[in-house]
Amino acid sequence: MEIVNTVLQQMSSLKKPQRRFIRVLLPLLMCLRGRVNFRNLSRYSDYHEKTFSRWYRRAFDFTEFNRLSFGSSRR
C-alpha cells in the first residue's frame, strides 16, 4: 500500500478527503469476496453506505493513477 500512498500524493488534482477515501477503498476492494456493493463496503469499514454512494459520484482519474503507479513501480 506504500505505492498507493505515494501515487495519491503525486496526484495534484486530489484533495485530502478524497485521498483518504481512496486509501480506504482500494485495500477494501482487494479484501472483499463476493458481491461488492455499498452495504458490504460499509460493513467492513468505518464509512456509511451513503458515504460510499456520495464518493462514487465524484470523478477519479484512474488513468493518471495507473500511469503514476506503473512509473513508481519501475524505480
PDB file of N, CA and C in Angstrom:
ATOM      1  N   MET A   1       0.820  -1.196   0.000  1.00  0.00           N
ATOM      2  CA  MET A   1       0.000   0.000   0.000  1.00  0.00           C
ATOM      3  C   MET A   1       0.864   1.260   0.000  1.00  0.00           C
ATOM      4  N   GLU A   2       2.154   1.065   0.135  1.00  0.00           N
ATOM      5  CA  GLU A   2       3.052   2.216   0.106  1.00  0.00           C
ATOM      6  C   GLU A   2       3.044   2.878  -1.270  1.00  0.00           C
ATOM      7  N   ILE A   3       2.944   2.068  -2.320  1.00  0.00           N
ATOM      8  CA  ILE A   3       2.888   2.622  -3.679  1.00  0.00           C
ATOM      9  C   ILE A   3       1.629   3.454  -3.854  1.00  0.00           C
ATOM     10  N   VAL A   4       0.522   2.969  -3.321  1.00  0.00           N
ATOM     11  CA  VAL A   4      -0.745   3.706  -3.436  1.00  0.00           C
ATOM     12  C   VAL A   4      -0.624   5.060  -2.750  1.00  0.00           C
ATOM     13  N   ASN A   5      -0.030   5.090  -1.576  1.00  0.00           N
ATOM     14  CA  ASN A   5       0.125   6.360  -0.859  1.00  0.00           C
ATOM     15  C   ASN A   5       0.998   7.345  -1.622  1.00  0.00           C
ATOM     16  N   THR A   6       2.102   6.867  -2.186  1.00  0.00           N
ATOM     17  CA  THR A   6       2.975   7.779  -2.931  1.00  0.00           C
ATOM     18  C   THR A   6       2.314   8.262  -4.211  1.00  0.00           C
ATOM     19  N   VAL A   7       1.570   7.388  -4.877  1.00  0.00           N
ATOM     20  CA  VAL A   7       0.881   7.795  -6.109  1.00  0.00           C
ATOM     21  C   VAL A   7      -0.203   8.815  -5.794  1.00  0.00           C
ATOM     22  N   LEU A   8      -0.951   8.598  -4.733  1.00  0.00           N
ATOM     23  CA  LEU A   8      -2.007   9.551  -4.371  1.00  0.00           C
ATOM     24  C   LEU A   8      -1.416  10.906  -3.988  1.00  0.00           C
ATOM     25  N   GLN A   9      -0.235  10.909  -3.386  1.00  0.00           N
ATOM     26  CA  GLN A   9       0.425  12.174  -3.064  1.00  0.00           C
ATOM     27  C   GLN A   9       0.863  12.913  -4.323  1.00  0.00           C
ATOM     28  N   GLN A  10       1.220  12.171  -5.358  1.00  0.00           N
ATOM     29  CA  GLN A  10       1.670  12.782  -6.605  1.00  0.00           C
ATOM     30  C   GLN A  10       0.520  13.344  -7.435  1.00  0.00           C
ATOM     31  N   MET A  11      -0.683  12.866  -7.198  1.00  0.00           N
ATOM     32  CA  MET A  11      -1.838  13.335  -7.971  1.00  0.00           C
ATOM     33  C   MET A  11      -2.282  14.687  -7.417  1.00  0.00           C
ATOM     34  N   SER A  12      -1.988  15.729  -8.151  1.00  0.00           N
ATOM     35  CA  SER A  12      -2.276  17.085  -7.670  1.00  0.00           C
ATOM     36  C   SER A  12      -3.755  17.439  -7.741  1.00  0.00           C
ATOM     37  N   SER A  13      -4.525  16.688  -8.513  1.00  0.00           N
ATOM     38  CA  SER A  13      -5.945  17.013  -8.667  1.00  0.00           C
ATOM     39  C   SER A  13      -6.783  16.548  -7.477  1.00  0.00           C
ATOM     40  N   LEU A  14      -6.217  15.731  -6.601  1.00  0.00           N
ATOM     41  CA  LEU A  14      -6.970  15.195  -5.465  1.00  0.00           C
ATOM     42  C   LEU A  14      -6.845  16.085  -4.238  1.00  0.00           C
ATOM     43  N   LYS A  15      -7.945  16.234  -3.552  1.00  0.00           N
ATOM     44  CA  LYS A  15      -7.936  16.911  -2.262  1.00  0.00           C
ATOM     45  C   LYS A  15      -7.711  15.864  -1.174  1.00  0.00           C
ATOM     46  N   LYS A  16      -7.402  16.324   0.011  1.00  0.00           N
ATOM     47  CA  LYS A  16      -7.068  15.428   1.119  1.00  0.00           C
ATOM     48  C   LYS A  16      -8.206  14.456   1.478  1.00  0.00           C
ATOM     49  N   PRO A  17      -9.472  14.891   1.540  1.00  0.00           N
ATOM     50  CA  PRO A  17     -10.533  13.933   1.868  1.00  0.00           C
ATOM     51  C   PRO A  17     -10.678  12.811   0.833  1.00  0.00           C
ATOM     52  N   GLN A  18     -10.508  13.147  -0.441  1.00  0.00           N
ATOM     53  CA  GLN A  18     -10.620  12.112  -1.465  1.00  0.00           C
ATOM     54  C   GLN A  18      -9.435  11.155  -1.397  1.00  0.00           C
ATOM     55  N   ARG A  19      -8.252  11.667  -1.095  1.00  0.00           N
ATOM     56  CA  ARG A  19      -7.087  10.791  -0.904  1.00  0.00           C
ATOM     57  C   ARG A  19      -7.336   9.796   0.224  1.00  0.00           C
ATOM     58  N   ARG A  20      -7.873  10.299   1.314  1.00  0.00           N
ATOM     59  CA  ARG A  20      -8.149   9.446   2.467  1.00  0.00           C
ATOM     60  C   ARG A  20      -9.170   8.363   2.110  1.00  0.00           C
ATOM     61  N   PHE A  21     -10.198   8.750   1.358  1.00  0.00           N
ATOM     62  CA  PHE A  21     -11.220   7.786   0.964  1.00  0.00           C
ATOM     63  C   PHE A  21     -10.636   6.709   0.049  1.00  0.00           C
ATOM     64  N   ILE A  22      -9.834   7.093  -0.911  1.00  0.00           N
ATOM     65  CA  ILE A  22      -9.243   6.127  -1.841  1.00  0.00           C
ATOM     66  C   ILE A  22      -8.282   5.198  -1.106  1.00  0.00           C
ATOM     67  N   ARG A  23      -7.568   5.723  -0.108  1.00  0.00           N
ATOM     68  CA  ARG A  23      -6.677   4.879   0.706  1.00  0.00           C
ATOM     69  C   ARG A  23      -7.448   3.798   1.448  1.00  0.00           C
ATOM     70  N   VAL A  24      -8.671   4.075   1.819  1.00  0.00           N
ATOM     71  CA  VAL A  24      -9.505   3.078   2.484  1.00  0.00           C
ATOM     72  C   VAL A  24     -10.146   2.153   1.452  1.00  0.00           C
ATOM     73  N   LEU A  25     -10.573   2.721   0.342  1.00  0.00           N
ATOM     74  CA  LEU A  25     -11.339   1.969  -0.649  1.00  0.00           C
ATOM     75  C   LEU A  25     -10.526   0.888  -1.354  1.00  0.00           C
ATOM     76  N   LEU A  26      -9.344   1.202  -1.820  1.00  0.00           N
ATOM     77  CA  LEU A  26      -8.577   0.240  -2.621  1.00  0.00           C
ATOM     78  C   LEU A  26      -8.231  -1.042  -1.863  1.00  0.00           C
ATOM     79  N   PRO A  27      -7.707  -0.979  -0.645  1.00  0.00           N
ATOM     80  CA  PRO A  27      -7.468  -2.242   0.071  1.00  0.00           C
ATOM     81  C   PRO A  27      -8.763  -2.988   0.387  1.00  0.00           C
ATOM     82  N   LEU A  28      -9.816  -2.238   0.623  1.00  0.00           N
ATOM     83  CA  LEU A  28     -11.102  -2.855   0.921  1.00  0.00           C
ATOM     84  C   LEU A  28     -11.613  -3.644  -0.278  1.00  0.00           C
ATOM     85  N   LEU A  29     -11.470  -3.090  -1.471  1.00  0.00           N
ATOM     86  CA  LEU A  29     -11.902  -3.794  -2.679  1.00  0.00           C
ATOM     87  C   LEU A  29     -11.085  -5.059  -2.912  1.00  0.00           C
ATOM     88  N   MET A  30      -9.816  -5.039  -2.523  1.00  0.00           N
ATOM     89  CA  MET A  30      -8.970  -6.222  -2.702  1.00  0.00           C
ATOM     90  C   MET A  30      -9.303  -7.324  -1.701  1.00  0.00           C
ATOM     91  N   CYS A  31      -9.811  -6.952  -0.536  1.00  0.00           N
ATOM     92  CA  CYS A  31     -10.055  -7.929   0.526  1.00  0.00           C
ATOM     93  C   CYS A  31     -11.421  -8.599   0.440  1.00  0.00           C
ATOM     94  N   LEU A  32     -12.383  -7.909  -0.126  1.00  0.00           N
ATOM     95  CA  LEU A  32     -13.748  -8.432  -0.117  1.00  0.00           C
ATOM     96  C   LEU A  32     -13.933  -9.584  -1.091  1.00  0.00           C
ATOM     97  N   ARG A  33     -14.718 -10.543  -0.652  1.00  0.00           N
ATOM     98  CA  ARG A  33     -15.124 -11.648  -1.510  1.00  0.00           C
ATOM     99  C   ARG A  33     -16.574 -11.446  -1.889  1.00  0.00           C
ATOM    100  N   GLY A  34     -16.947 -12.004  -3.009  1.00  0.00           N
ATOM    101  CA  GLY A  34     -18.351 -11.979  -3.395  1.00  0.00           C
ATOM    102  C   GLY A  34     -18.789 -10.637  -3.948  1.00  0.00           C
ATOM    103  N   ARG A  35     -20.039 -10.339  -3.712  1.00  0.00           N
ATOM    104  CA  ARG A  35     -20.646  -9.138  -4.272  1.00  0.00           C
ATOM    105  C   ARG A  35     -20.140  -7.893  -3.542  1.00  0.00           C
ATOM    106  N   VAL A  36     -19.689  -6.934  -4.317  1.00  0.00           N
ATOM    107  CA  VAL A  36     -19.197  -5.685  -3.736  1.00  0.00           C
ATOM    108  C   VAL A  36     -20.224  -4.602  -4.015  1.00  0.00           C
ATOM    109  N   ASN A  37     -20.950  -4.225  -2.972  1.00  0.00           N
ATOM    110  CA  ASN A  37     -21.883  -3.106  -3.080  1.00  0.00           C
ATOM    111  C   ASN A  37     -21.638  -2.182  -1.889  1.00  0.00           C
ATOM    112  N   PHE A  38     -22.364  -1.082  -1.862  1.00  0.00           N
ATOM    113  CA  PHE A  38     -22.110  -0.087  -0.820  1.00  0.00           C
ATOM    114  C   PHE A  38     -22.386  -0.642   0.573  1.00  0.00           C
ATOM    115  N   ARG A  39     -23.366  -1.492   0.695  1.00  0.00           N
ATOM    116  CA  ARG A  39     -23.678  -2.066   2.007  1.00  0.00           C
ATOM    117  C   ARG A  39     -22.538  -2.951   2.498  1.00  0.00           C
ATOM    118  N   ASN A  40     -22.005  -3.787   1.619  1.00  0.00           N
ATOM    119  CA  ASN A  40     -20.884  -4.640   2.024  1.00  0.00           C
ATOM    120  C   ASN A  40     -19.623  -3.830   2.284  1.00  0.00           C
ATOM    121  N   LEU A  41     -19.401  -2.782   1.504  1.00  0.00           N
ATOM    122  CA  LEU A  41     -18.244  -1.924   1.758  1.00  0.00           C
ATOM    123  C   LEU A  41     -18.356  -1.259   3.126  1.00  0.00           C
ATOM    124  N   SER A  42     -19.547  -0.809   3.474  1.00  0.00           N
ATOM    125  CA  SER A  42     -19.725  -0.157   4.774  1.00  0.00           C
ATOM    126  C   SER A  42     -19.624  -1.156   5.922  1.00  0.00           C
ATOM    127  N   ARG A  43     -19.950  -2.396   5.664  1.00  0.00           N
ATOM    128  CA  ARG A  43     -19.866  -3.426   6.696  1.00  0.00           C
ATOM    129  C   ARG A  43     -18.427  -3.655   7.148  1.00  0.00           C
ATOM    130  N   TYR A  44     -17.487  -3.515   6.234  1.00  0.00           N
ATOM    131  CA  TYR A  44     -16.087  -3.805   6.540  1.00  0.00           C
ATOM    132  C   TYR A  44     -15.224  -2.556   6.655  1.00  0.00           C
ATOM    133  N   SER A  45     -15.834  -1.403   6.831  1.00  0.00           N
ATOM    134  CA  SER A  45     -15.073  -0.159   7.002  1.00  0.00           C
ATOM    135  C   SER A  45     -15.799   0.732   8.000  1.00  0.00           C
ATOM    136  N   ASP A  46     -15.226   1.891   8.249  1.00  0.00           N
ATOM    137  CA  ASP A  46     -15.836   2.842   9.177  1.00  0.00           C
ATOM    138  C   ASP A  46     -16.797   3.798   8.492  1.00  0.00           C
ATOM    139  N   TYR A  47     -16.901   3.713   7.170  1.00  0.00           N
ATOM    140  CA  TYR A  47     -17.773   4.614   6.420  1.00  0.00           C
ATOM    141  C   TYR A  47     -19.179   4.034   6.280  1.00  0.00           C
ATOM    142  N   HIS A  48     -20.167   4.910   6.209  1.00  0.00           N
ATOM    143  CA  HIS A  48     -21.555   4.527   5.989  1.00  0.00           C
ATOM    144  C   HIS A  48     -21.777   4.293   4.499  1.00  0.00           C
ATOM    145  N   GLU A  49     -22.777   3.489   4.149  1.00  0.00           N
ATOM    146  CA  GLU A  49     -23.010   3.204   2.733  1.00  0.00           C
ATOM    147  C   GLU A  49     -23.380   4.457   1.943  1.00  0.00           C
ATOM    148  N   LYS A  50     -24.004   5.431   2.583  1.00  0.00           N
ATOM    149  CA  LYS A  50     -24.312   6.694   1.908  1.00  0.00           C
ATOM    150  C   LYS A  50     -23.024   7.451   1.564  1.00  0.00           C
ATOM    151  N   THR A  51     -22.013   7.339   2.409  1.00  0.00           N
ATOM    152  CA  THR A  51     -20.723   7.965   2.134  1.00  0.00           C
ATOM    153  C   THR A  51     -20.093   7.357   0.886  1.00  0.00           C
ATOM    154  N   PHE A  52     -20.160   6.037   0.766  1.00  0.00           N
ATOM    155  CA  PHE A  52     -19.641   5.393  -0.440  1.00  0.00           C
ATOM    156  C   PHE A  52     -20.404   5.864  -1.669  1.00  0.00           C
ATOM    157  N   SER A  53     -21.704   5.974  -1.541  1.00  0.00           N
ATOM    158  CA  SER A  53     -22.522   6.442  -2.657  1.00  0.00           C
ATOM    159  C   SER A  53     -22.125   7.845  -3.091  1.00  0.00           C
ATOM    160  N   ARG A  54     -21.890   8.712  -2.150  1.00  0.00           N
ATOM    161  CA  ARG A  54     -21.507  10.092  -2.471  1.00  0.00           C
ATOM    162  C   ARG A  54     -20.125  10.165  -3.110  1.00  0.00           C
ATOM    163  N   TRP A  55     -19.174   9.400  -2.588  1.00  0.00           N
ATOM    164  CA  TRP A  55     -17.819   9.453  -3.135  1.00  0.00           C
ATOM    165  C   TRP A  55     -17.738   8.788  -4.501  1.00  0.00           C
ATOM    166  N   TYR A  56     -18.570   7.786  -4.759  1.00  0.00           N
ATOM    167  CA  TYR A  56     -18.562   7.141  -6.070  1.00  0.00           C
ATOM    168  C   TYR A  56     -19.097   8.060  -7.157  1.00  0.00           C
ATOM    169  N   ARG A  57     -19.888   9.057  -6.802  1.00  0.00           N
ATOM    170  CA  ARG A  57     -20.389  10.022  -7.786  1.00  0.00           C
ATOM    171  C   ARG A  57     -19.301  10.975  -8.260  1.00  0.00           C
ATOM    172  N   ARG A  58     -18.263  11.145  -7.457  1.00  0.00           N
ATOM    173  CA  ARG A  58     -17.179  12.070  -7.817  1.00  0.00           C
ATOM    174  C   ARG A  58     -16.221  11.423  -8.803  1.00  0.00           C
ATOM    175  N   ALA A  59     -15.627  12.256  -9.614  1.00  0.00           N
ATOM    176  CA  ALA A  59     -14.688  11.755 -10.627  1.00  0.00           C
ATOM    177  C   ALA A  59     -13.343  11.414  -9.987  1.00  0.00           C
ATOM    178  N   PHE A  60     -12.751  10.353 -10.482  1.00  0.00           N
ATOM    179  CA  PHE A  60     -11.401   9.964 -10.076  1.00  0.00           C
ATOM    180  C   PHE A  60     -10.655   9.550 -11.334  1.00  0.00           C
ATOM    181  N   ASP A  61      -9.487  10.087 -11.524  1.00  0.00           N
ATOM    182  CA  ASP A  61      -8.711   9.851 -12.736  1.00  0.00           C
ATOM    183  C   ASP A  61      -7.896   8.563 -12.591  1.00  0.00           C
ATOM    184  N   PHE A  62      -8.516   7.428 -12.940  1.00  0.00           N
ATOM    185  CA  PHE A  62      -7.834   6.141 -12.839  1.00  0.00           C
ATOM    186  C   PHE A  62      -6.709   6.014 -13.860  1.00  0.00           C
ATOM    187  N   THR A  63      -6.832   6.711 -14.981  1.00  0.00           N
ATOM    188  CA  THR A  63      -5.769   6.678 -15.983  1.00  0.00           C
ATOM    189  C   THR A  63      -4.481   7.270 -15.415  1.00  0.00           C
ATOM    190  N   GLU A  64      -4.601   8.418 -14.779  1.00  0.00           N
ATOM    191  CA  GLU A  64      -3.423   9.040 -14.164  1.00  0.00           C
ATOM    192  C   GLU A  64      -2.895   8.190 -13.011  1.00  0.00           C
ATOM    193  N   PHE A  65      -3.804   7.615 -12.232  1.00  0.00           N
ATOM    194  CA  PHE A  65      -3.405   6.753 -11.123  1.00  0.00           C
ATOM    195  C   PHE A  65      -2.590   5.568 -11.632  1.00  0.00           C
ATOM    196  N   ASN A  66      -3.070   4.909 -12.691  1.00  0.00           N
ATOM    197  CA  ASN A  66      -2.344   3.763 -13.250  1.00  0.00           C
ATOM    198  C   ASN A  66      -1.008   4.186 -13.847  1.00  0.00           C
ATOM    199  N   ARG A  67      -0.990   5.305 -14.549  1.00  0.00           N
ATOM    200  CA  ARG A  67       0.251   5.786 -15.159  1.00  0.00           C
ATOM    201  C   ARG A  67       1.304   6.072 -14.088  1.00  0.00           C
ATOM    202  N   LEU A  68       0.891   6.746 -13.022  1.00  0.00           N
ATOM    203  CA  LEU A  68       1.831   7.061 -11.943  1.00  0.00           C
ATOM    204  C   LEU A  68       2.255   5.815 -11.169  1.00  0.00           C
ATOM    205  N   SER A  69       1.342   4.867 -10.996  1.00  0.00           N
ATOM    206  CA  SER A  69       1.701   3.657 -10.249  1.00  0.00           C
ATOM    207  C   SER A  69       2.665   2.786 -11.044  1.00  0.00           C
ATOM    208  N   PHE A  70       2.491   2.706 -12.362  1.00  0.00           N
ATOM    209  CA  PHE A  70       3.453   1.948 -13.165  1.00  0.00           C
ATOM    210  C   PHE A  70       4.801   2.647 -13.193  1.00  0.00           C
ATOM    211  N   GLY A  71       4.790   3.957 -13.223  1.00  0.00           N
ATOM    212  CA  GLY A  71       6.036   4.714 -13.218  1.00  0.00           C
ATOM    213  C   GLY A  71       6.792   4.575 -11.916  1.00  0.00           C
ATOM    214  N   SER A  72       6.074   4.547 -10.787  1.00  0.00           N
ATOM    215  CA  SER A  72       6.751   4.442  -9.492  1.00  0.00           C
ATOM    216  C   SER A  72       7.174   3.013  -9.181  1.00  0.00           C
ATOM    217  N   SER A  73       6.542   2.016  -9.797  1.00  0.00           N
ATOM    218  CA  SER A  73       6.930   0.630  -9.522  1.00  0.00           C
ATOM    219  C   SER A  73       8.198   0.230 -10.268  1.00  0.00           C
ATOM    220  N   ARG A  74       8.561   0.972 -11.293  1.00  0.00           N
ATOM    221  CA  ARG A  74       9.784   0.667 -12.048  1.00  0.00           C
ATOM    222  C   ARG A  74      11.044   1.099 -11.315  1.00  0.00           C
ATOM    223  N   ARG A  75      10.923   1.991 -10.379  1.00  0.00           N
ATOM    224  CA  ARG A  75      12.097   2.533  -9.679  1.00  0.00           C
ATOM    225  C   ARG A  75      12.725   1.541  -8.753  1.00  0.00           C
TER     226      ARG A  75
END
